[in-house]
């Protein structure tokens, strides 16, 4: 099971990103644990300078804006 963290203060883009992660995992038939991180200090410590951010199994793979759907599939499948 992959662990995915979505970093963001709770804005609409951050919520949409979380939904995209869950829907993409379901589409691919993958089991993922999705955690929403909203604490500004935790977001900064993860290296996210622009939200939303995404980390997969502890590796930051995206920051700033909505992720590209094809890239999201690749991150979750890797």
Protein backbone atom coordinates (compact mmCIF):
# COMPACT_ATOMS: atom_id res chain seq x y z
CA UNK A 1 0.00 0.00 0.00
CA UNK A 2 1.27 3.42 -0.93
CA UNK A 3 1.14 6.34 1.48
CA UNK A 4 0.14 9.60 -0.18
CA UNK A 5 0.18 12.95 1.58
CA UNK A 6 -1.64 15.94 0.14
CA UNK A 7 -0.24 19.21 1.50
CA UNK A 8 -2.36 22.33 1.59
CA UNK A 9 -4.30 24.67 3.84
CA UNK A 10 -7.70 23.41 2.73
CA UNK A 11 -8.30 25.54 -0.35
CA UNK A 12 -10.43 24.34 -3.26
CA UNK A 13 -7.37 23.27 -5.29
CA UNK A 14 -6.09 21.24 -2.35
CA UNK A 15 -9.45 19.51 -1.92
CA UNK A 16 -9.61 18.82 -5.67
CA UNK A 17 -6.09 17.36 -5.57
CA UNK A 18 -7.07 15.00 -2.74
CA UNK A 19 -10.13 13.89 -4.73
CA UNK A 20 -7.97 13.36 -7.83
CA UNK A 21 -5.56 11.14 -5.84
CA UNK A 22 -8.40 9.01 -4.45
CA UNK A 23 -10.18 8.70 -7.80
CA UNK A 24 -6.98 7.87 -9.69
CA UNK A 25 -6.04 5.19 -7.15
CA UNK A 26 -9.52 3.66 -7.43
CA UNK A 27 -9.34 3.76 -11.24
CA UNK A 28 -6.00 1.95 -11.15
CA UNK A 29 -7.23 -0.53 -8.55
CA UNK A 30 -4.55 0.57 -6.08
CA UNK A 31 -4.90 0.68 -2.33
CA UNK A 32 -3.52 3.95 -0.98
CA UNK A 33 -3.56 5.65 2.39
CA UNK A 34 -4.26 9.33 1.79
CA UNK A 35 -3.37 11.84 4.49
CA UNK A 36 -4.28 15.53 4.28
CA UNK A 37 -1.64 17.78 5.85
CA UNK A 38 -2.92 21.28 6.65
CA UNK A 39 -0.44 22.48 9.29
CA UNK A 40 1.68 25.30 7.75
CA UNK A 41 4.81 24.24 9.64
CA UNK A 42 4.48 20.63 8.48
CA UNK A 43 3.89 21.79 4.90
CA UNK A 44 7.04 23.93 4.99
CA UNK A 45 9.10 21.16 6.61
CA UNK A 46 8.09 18.83 3.77
CA UNK A 47 9.62 21.30 1.30
CA UNK A 48 6.32 22.41 -0.22
CA UNK A 49 6.72 26.06 -1.22
CA UNK A 50 3.51 26.23 -3.26
CA UNK A 51 0.35 24.27 -2.53
CA UNK A 52 -1.11 21.85 -3.19
CA UNK A 53 1.75 19.43 -2.77
CA UNK A 54 1.82 15.65 -3.07
CA UNK A 55 4.25 13.14 -1.64
CA UNK A 56 4.17 9.43 -2.42
CA UNK A 57 5.85 7.14 0.11
CA UNK A 58 7.75 10.08 1.59
CA UNK A 59 9.02 11.52 -1.72
CA UNK A 60 7.71 14.94 -2.76
CA UNK A 61 6.52 14.55 -6.35
CA UNK A 62 4.44 17.69 -6.93
CA UNK A 63 3.99 21.23 -5.64
CA UNK A 64 1.85 24.08 -6.92
CA UNK A 65 -1.38 23.80 -8.88
CA UNK A 66 -3.40 20.77 -9.85
CA UNK A 67 -1.34 17.74 -10.87
CA UNK A 68 -1.39 16.41 -14.42
CA UNK A 69 -3.63 13.31 -14.53
CA UNK A 70 -1.09 11.21 -16.47
CA UNK A 71 1.71 12.12 -14.07
CA UNK A 72 -0.51 11.32 -11.10
CA UNK A 73 -1.16 7.86 -12.53
CA UNK A 74 2.59 7.34 -13.02
CA UNK A 75 3.41 8.42 -9.44
CA UNK A 76 0.83 6.08 -7.97
CA UNK A 77 1.79 3.18 -10.22
CA UNK A 78 5.56 3.43 -9.62
